[in-house]
N, C-alpha and C. Protein backbone atom coordinates (compact mmCIF):
# COMPACT_ATOMS: atom_id res chain seq x y z
N MET A 1 1.28 -1.10 -0.14
CA MET A 1 0.14 0.25 0.08
C MET A 1 0.81 1.58 0.10
N ASN A 2 0.35 2.06 -0.67
CA ASN A 2 1.12 2.89 -0.76
C ASN A 2 1.10 4.10 0.31
N ILE A 3 2.13 5.49 1.04
CA ILE A 3 2.57 5.34 1.73
C ILE A 3 1.67 6.97 2.02
N TRP A 4 0.81 7.44 0.60
CA TRP A 4 0.22 8.77 0.56
C TRP A 4 -1.55 8.19 1.09
N ILE A 5 -2.06 6.86 0.42
CA ILE A 5 -3.05 6.05 1.10
C ILE A 5 -2.98 5.74 2.54
N ILE A 6 -2.29 5.40 3.29
CA ILE A 6 -2.09 5.30 4.51
C ILE A 6 -2.00 6.80 5.48
N ILE A 7 -1.18 7.48 4.45
CA ILE A 7 -1.41 8.74 5.42
C ILE A 7 -3.26 9.22 5.01
N GLY A 8 -4.25 9.19 4.53
CA GLY A 8 -5.16 9.78 4.28
C GLY A 8 -5.99 9.30 4.41
N ILE A 9 -5.86 7.59 5.28
CA ILE A 9 -6.66 6.63 5.52
C ILE A 9 -6.33 7.65 7.56
N VAL A 10 -4.74 7.03 7.65
CA VAL A 10 -4.99 7.69 9.18
C VAL A 10 -5.72 9.01 9.42
N LEU A 11 -5.61 9.73 8.76
CA LEU A 11 -6.20 11.51 8.34
C LEU A 11 -7.46 11.28 8.49
N GLY A 12 -8.20 10.45 7.80
CA GLY A 12 -9.99 10.63 7.98
C GLY A 12 -9.84 9.93 9.42
N ALA A 13 -9.64 8.77 9.51
CA ALA A 13 -9.97 7.69 10.89
C ALA A 13 -9.66 9.04 11.91
N GLY A 14 -8.62 9.79 12.00
CA GLY A 14 -8.42 10.47 13.22
C GLY A 14 -9.36 11.63 12.97
N VAL A 15 -9.96 12.37 12.23
CA VAL A 15 -11.17 13.10 12.34
C VAL A 15 -12.50 12.39 12.95
N ILE A 16 -12.16 11.25 12.80
CA ILE A 16 -13.90 10.86 12.81
C ILE A 16 -13.58 10.69 14.55
N LEU A 17 -12.26 9.99 14.89
CA LEU A 17 -12.18 9.79 16.00
C LEU A 17 -12.28 10.49 17.47
N THR A 18 -11.42 12.23 16.48
CA THR A 18 -11.58 13.42 17.49
C THR A 18 -12.87 13.84 17.34
N ASN A 19 -13.87 13.94 16.66
CA ASN A 19 -15.39 14.30 16.49
C ASN A 19 -15.74 13.43 16.83
N ARG A 20 -16.19 11.82 17.22
CA ARG A 20 -16.61 11.41 17.84
C ARG A 20 -16.37 11.16 19.77
N PHE A 21 -14.96 10.98 19.78
CA PHE A 21 -14.62 10.65 21.44
C PHE A 21 -14.15 11.95 22.29
N ILE A 22 -12.91 13.11 21.49
CA ILE A 22 -12.35 13.86 21.97
C ILE A 22 -13.26 15.12 21.79
N ARG A 23 -13.26 15.92 21.03
CA ARG A 23 -14.27 17.10 20.68
C ARG A 23 -14.58 17.13 19.42
N GLN A 24 -16.21 18.41 19.31
CA GLN A 24 -16.40 18.19 18.55
C GLN A 24 -15.69 19.16 17.37
N LEU A 25 -15.53 19.01 16.49
CA LEU A 25 -14.79 19.86 15.69
C LEU A 25 -15.73 20.62 14.73
N PRO A 26 -14.98 22.16 13.97
CA PRO A 26 -16.03 22.91 13.56
C PRO A 26 -15.82 22.32 12.37
N ASN A 27 -17.49 22.26 11.77
CA ASN A 27 -17.60 21.84 10.57
C ASN A 27 -16.73 22.04 9.45
N TRP A 28 -16.38 23.57 9.48
CA TRP A 28 -15.47 23.93 8.20
C TRP A 28 -14.36 23.51 8.44
N LEU A 29 -14.10 23.12 9.36
CA LEU A 29 -12.42 22.08 9.86
C LEU A 29 -13.10 20.81 9.05
N ALA A 30 -13.67 20.42 9.67
CA ALA A 30 -13.88 18.51 9.34
C ALA A 30 -13.84 18.64 8.00
N ILE A 31 -14.62 19.36 7.14
CA ILE A 31 -14.55 18.91 5.63
C ILE A 31 -13.55 19.60 5.22
N VAL A 32 -12.32 20.52 5.53
CA VAL A 32 -11.09 20.33 4.93
C VAL A 32 -10.60 19.52 5.05
N LEU A 33 -10.48 18.66 6.64
CA LEU A 33 -9.58 17.67 6.94
C LEU A 33 -10.02 16.64 5.97
N TYR A 34 -11.23 16.31 5.77
CA TYR A 34 -12.19 15.04 4.95
C TYR A 34 -11.60 15.14 3.58
N THR A 35 -11.36 16.61 2.92
CA THR A 35 -11.01 16.48 1.79
C THR A 35 -9.94 16.55 0.99
N ILE A 36 -9.13 16.77 1.97
CA ILE A 36 -7.63 16.64 1.88
C ILE A 36 -7.35 15.15 1.99
N ALA A 37 -8.08 14.08 3.48
CA ALA A 37 -7.84 12.86 3.67
C ALA A 37 -8.06 12.15 2.21
N VAL A 38 -9.23 12.73 0.93
CA VAL A 38 -10.10 11.75 -0.08
C VAL A 38 -8.62 12.23 -0.95
N ILE A 39 -7.89 13.41 -1.10
CA ILE A 39 -6.79 13.41 -2.19
C ILE A 39 -5.86 13.17 -1.35
N LEU A 40 -5.27 12.64 -0.87
CA LEU A 40 -3.99 11.46 -0.66
C LEU A 40 -4.61 11.03 -0.86
N ILE A 41 -5.61 9.75 -0.52
CA ILE A 41 -6.00 8.66 -0.75
C ILE A 41 -5.72 8.51 -2.68
N LEU A 42 -6.84 9.29 -3.09
CA LEU A 42 -6.44 9.47 -4.66
C LEU A 42 -5.22 9.65 -4.92
N VAL A 43 -4.58 10.75 -4.86
CA VAL A 43 -3.01 10.92 -5.46
C VAL A 43 -2.05 9.16 -5.00
N GLY A 44 -2.20 8.59 -3.42
CA GLY A 44 -1.30 7.32 -3.65
C GLY A 44 -1.88 6.40 -4.72
N MET A 45 -3.56 6.37 -5.16
CA MET A 45 -3.96 5.27 -6.18
C MET A 45 -3.52 5.64 -7.54
N ILE A 46 -3.17 6.85 -7.63
CA ILE A 46 -2.59 7.57 -9.02
C ILE A 46 -1.41 7.02 -8.96
N ILE A 47 -0.87 7.04 -7.85
CA ILE A 47 0.97 6.97 -8.02
C ILE A 47 1.20 5.35 -8.03
N SER A 48 0.22 4.67 -7.13
CA SER A 48 0.77 3.08 -7.54
C SER A 48 -0.04 2.65 -8.63
N ARG A 49 -0.23 3.19 -9.43
CA ARG A 49 -1.54 3.00 -10.91
C ARG A 49 0.11 3.34 -11.77
N MET A 50 0.61 3.99 -11.20
CA MET A 50 1.85 4.73 -12.54
C MET A 50 2.55 4.10 -11.73
N THR A 51 3.43 3.37 -11.26
CA THR A 51 4.39 2.83 -10.70
C THR A 51 4.36 1.49 -11.00
N GLN A 52 3.23 0.53 -11.87
CA GLN A 52 2.68 -0.98 -12.01
C GLN A 52 3.61 -1.06 -13.41
């Protein structure tokens, strides 16, 4: 698995866990962080496909 995919998954999971168990994040911050996580996952998938 590509490092970018792992970072994206960890970021998304961190946002979910923070929102649910630690402290409610502002909506704008959660949206920005989720968007970054999705972009990282997509970049990792593209890089993995190019290196094959």
